[in-house]
Amino acid sequence: MINYESVDKVLKDAFIPQQQTTKRFDFLEDMLPMIKYAADKKRQKLAAAQQSQQPVISQQTGAAAQQTPNILPLNVTNTDAYALIQKYFPKEEWNNAYRVMMGESGGRPGAIGDNYPIRGKLIPSYGLFQIRGFPDRGTPEQLLDPDYNVRYAAQLWKSQGWNPWTVARKLGLPGTKPLK
């Protein structure tokens, strides 16, 4: 059974420096819904596989894919997403990019979020890195494509650092501006 102490230790050791206790708690609170969602989906897959005695597959289809609004079927595993990060980001940023991606979308390529106005318009964010769907960034379909999304995120990072991602600022990644 996972308890607070074990999760806090992982966050201290692997992800967030010890002196940033408040950020660890904020990060954990932000991650809880994504962790619960992932655990529920894993339980469903395992139960279905046990019933049918079929191997567990990584892609959701049919009714299971329709259970969560604004999320398309999972078609990229975290391993696949990490490979895209390795393809488009410099090696020294792989860990940061993965942490930002997981914080933004939970590794779900079909994630659609941020349904509040930015620059006076309601424009959602799409995909692994939750890229805002501004007209110059591509169509929603493009932004939901994992390769396009990670490639665009790398271009955005090259021009603006980690500042465009709230999660990166919550994590206190180097070069980010503090949250207002």
Protein backbone atom coordinates (compact mmCIF):
# COMPACT_ATOMS: atom_id res chain seq x y z
CA MET A 1 0.00 0.00 0.00
CA ILE A 2 1.30 3.44 -0.92
CA ASN A 3 1.28 5.98 1.88
CA TYR A 4 2.12 9.67 2.11
CA GLU A 5 5.63 9.04 3.44
CA SER A 6 6.60 6.77 0.55
CA VAL A 7 5.25 9.21 -2.05
CA ASP A 8 6.94 12.16 -0.32
CA LYS A 9 10.25 10.25 -0.27
CA VAL A 10 10.01 9.57 -4.01
CA LEU A 11 9.27 13.24 -4.67
CA LYS A 12 12.15 14.32 -2.43
CA ASP A 13 14.66 11.87 -3.89
CA ALA A 14 13.75 11.83 -7.54
CA PHE A 15 11.84 14.89 -8.58
CA ILE A 16 11.69 17.93 -6.38
CA PRO A 17 14.49 19.34 -4.18
CA GLN A 18 13.91 19.03 -0.44
CA GLN A 19 13.97 22.79 0.18
CA GLN A 20 10.85 23.16 -1.99
CA THR A 21 8.40 21.40 0.35
CA THR A 22 5.43 23.57 -0.67
CA LYS A 23 6.07 22.84 -4.33
CA ARG A 24 6.20 19.11 -3.54
CA PHE A 25 2.77 19.31 -1.94
CA ASP A 26 1.37 21.37 -4.83
CA PHE A 27 2.83 18.95 -7.36
CA LEU A 28 1.39 15.99 -5.46
CA GLU A 29 -2.06 17.61 -5.30
CA ASP A 30 -1.91 18.30 -9.05
CA MET A 31 -0.87 14.72 -9.80
CA LEU A 32 -3.46 12.91 -7.63
CA PRO A 33 -6.34 13.03 -10.15
CA MET A 34 -4.02 11.81 -12.92
CA ILE A 35 -2.64 9.02 -10.73
CA LYS A 36 -6.17 7.93 -9.76
CA TYR A 37 -7.27 8.00 -13.41
CA ALA A 38 -4.25 5.92 -14.50
CA ALA A 39 -4.75 3.43 -11.67
CA ASP A 40 -8.46 3.03 -12.48
CA LYS A 41 -7.69 2.42 -16.15
CA LYS A 42 -4.97 -0.11 -15.28
CA ARG A 43 -7.39 -1.96 -12.98
CA GLN A 44 -9.99 -2.06 -15.77
CA LYS A 45 -7.47 -3.41 -18.27
CA LEU A 46 -6.23 -6.07 -15.87
CA ALA A 47 -9.78 -7.16 -14.97
CA ALA A 48 -10.74 -7.38 -18.64
CA ALA A 49 -7.59 -9.33 -19.46
CA GLN A 50 -8.20 -11.77 -16.61
CA GLN A 51 -11.78 -12.34 -17.74
CA SER A 52 -10.86 -12.98 -21.35
CA GLN A 53 -7.40 -14.44 -20.59
CA GLN A 54 -6.02 -12.15 -23.30
CA PRO A 55 -2.77 -10.20 -22.87
CA VAL A 56 -3.13 -6.64 -21.62
CA ILE A 57 -2.71 -4.16 -24.46
CA SER A 58 -1.77 -0.51 -24.13
CA GLN A 59 -4.47 0.97 -26.37
CA GLN A 60 -8.02 1.71 -25.22
CA THR A 61 -10.84 1.29 -27.67
CA GLY A 62 -14.61 1.22 -27.67
CA ALA A 63 -16.59 2.03 -24.53
CA ALA A 64 -13.51 2.25 -22.28
CA ALA A 65 -12.16 5.08 -24.41
CA GLN A 66 -15.43 7.01 -24.03
CA GLN A 67 -15.57 6.96 -20.22
CA THR A 68 -13.59 10.15 -19.58
CA PRO A 69 -14.73 13.33 -21.33
CA ASN A 70 -12.17 15.31 -23.35
CA ILE A 71 -9.68 12.42 -23.49
CA LEU A 72 -9.05 10.48 -26.66
CA PRO A 73 -8.07 6.80 -26.60
CA LEU A 74 -4.58 6.20 -25.28
CA ASN A 75 -2.34 5.33 -28.19
CA VAL A 76 1.07 6.26 -26.83
CA THR A 77 2.70 4.71 -23.79
CA ASN A 78 4.97 6.74 -21.55
CA THR A 79 7.86 4.85 -23.12
CA ASP A 80 6.80 6.05 -26.56
CA ALA A 81 6.40 9.61 -25.29
CA TYR A 82 9.83 9.49 -23.67
CA ALA A 83 11.30 8.35 -26.99
CA LEU A 84 9.76 11.45 -28.62
CA ILE A 85 11.26 13.62 -25.89
CA GLN A 86 14.64 12.05 -26.63
CA LYS A 87 14.11 12.73 -30.32
CA TYR A 88 13.32 16.45 -30.00
CA PHE A 89 14.82 17.75 -26.73
CA PRO A 90 18.52 17.98 -25.85
CA LYS A 91 19.72 15.19 -23.56
CA GLU A 92 20.19 17.48 -20.55
CA GLU A 93 16.47 18.38 -20.70
CA TRP A 94 15.00 14.87 -21.06
CA ASN A 95 14.13 14.52 -17.38
CA ASN A 96 12.66 18.04 -17.15
CA ALA A 97 10.64 17.51 -20.33
CA TYR A 98 9.26 14.22 -19.03
CA ARG A 99 8.30 15.79 -15.69
CA VAL A 100 6.56 18.70 -17.44
CA MET A 101 4.72 16.36 -19.82
CA MET A 102 3.54 14.12 -16.99
CA GLY A 103 2.46 17.12 -14.93
CA GLU A 104 0.59 18.69 -17.82
CA SER A 105 -1.19 15.65 -19.29
CA GLY A 106 -0.33 12.63 -17.18
CA GLY A 107 1.23 11.19 -20.33
CA ARG A 108 -2.14 11.13 -22.12
CA PRO A 109 -1.68 12.16 -25.76
CA GLY A 110 -5.40 12.86 -26.12
CA ALA A 111 -5.66 15.18 -23.11
CA ILE A 112 -7.61 18.39 -23.69
CA GLY A 113 -7.59 20.98 -20.94
CA ASP A 114 -7.49 24.62 -19.90
CA ASN A 115 -11.05 25.63 -20.60
CA TYR A 116 -10.63 29.16 -19.29
CA PRO A 117 -9.98 32.37 -21.26
CA ILE A 118 -6.44 33.36 -22.24
CA ARG A 119 -5.88 36.63 -24.07
CA GLY A 120 -9.66 37.11 -23.91
CA LYS A 121 -10.48 33.91 -25.80
CA LEU A 122 -11.44 30.40 -24.72
CA ILE A 123 -8.73 28.29 -26.33
CA PRO A 124 -8.06 24.78 -24.97
CA SER A 125 -4.68 23.12 -24.62
CA TYR A 126 -3.99 19.84 -26.39
CA GLY A 127 -1.89 16.73 -26.11
CA LEU A 128 1.08 15.53 -24.11
CA PHE A 129 2.52 18.99 -23.40
CA GLN A 130 -0.86 20.76 -23.30
CA ILE A 131 -0.04 23.21 -26.09
CA ARG A 132 -2.57 26.05 -26.35
CA GLY A 133 -4.45 25.88 -29.63
CA PHE A 134 -3.57 29.37 -30.85
CA PRO A 135 -3.97 29.66 -34.66
CA ASP A 136 -0.21 29.79 -35.35
CA ARG A 137 0.44 26.54 -33.47
CA GLY A 138 -1.46 24.07 -35.62
CA THR A 139 -4.91 22.54 -35.65
CA PRO A 140 -6.31 20.66 -32.65
CA GLU A 141 -5.81 17.44 -34.63
CA GLN A 142 -2.13 18.27 -35.17
CA LEU A 143 -1.63 19.22 -31.52
CA LEU A 144 -3.18 15.90 -30.45
CA ASP A 145 -0.64 14.02 -32.58
CA PRO A 146 2.11 12.97 -30.11
CA ASP A 147 5.01 13.54 -32.53
CA TYR A 148 3.76 16.99 -33.57
CA ASN A 149 2.99 17.95 -29.95
CA VAL A 150 6.41 17.00 -28.58
CA ARG A 151 8.20 18.58 -31.56
CA TYR A 152 6.25 21.81 -31.07
CA ALA A 153 6.94 21.71 -27.31
CA ALA A 154 10.67 21.42 -28.02
CA GLN A 155 10.50 24.43 -30.38
CA LEU A 156 8.58 26.39 -27.75
CA TRP A 157 11.14 25.41 -25.10
CA LYS A 158 14.01 26.55 -27.37
CA SER A 159 12.46 29.99 -27.76
CA GLN A 160 10.96 30.53 -24.26
CA GLY A 161 12.50 27.98 -21.92
CA TRP A 162 10.07 26.23 -19.56
CA ASN A 163 8.06 29.41 -18.87
CA PRO A 164 5.02 28.52 -21.03
CA TRP A 165 4.19 25.56 -18.74
CA THR A 166 2.65 26.22 -15.34
CA VAL A 167 3.83 22.82 -14.12
CA ALA A 168 7.44 23.75 -14.91
CA ARG A 169 7.10 26.90 -12.84
CA LYS A 170 5.49 24.91 -10.00
CA LEU A 171 8.42 22.51 -10.17
CA GLY A 172 10.81 25.45 -10.03
CA LEU A 173 12.71 24.39 -13.14
CA PRO A 174 15.77 26.53 -13.91
CA GLY A 175 15.04 29.74 -15.77
CA THR A 176 11.31 29.79 -15.04
CA LYS A 177 9.58 32.91 -13.82
CA PRO A 178 7.78 32.59 -10.49
CA LEU A 179 4.01 32.05 -10.57
CA LYS A 180 1.97 35.20 -10.02
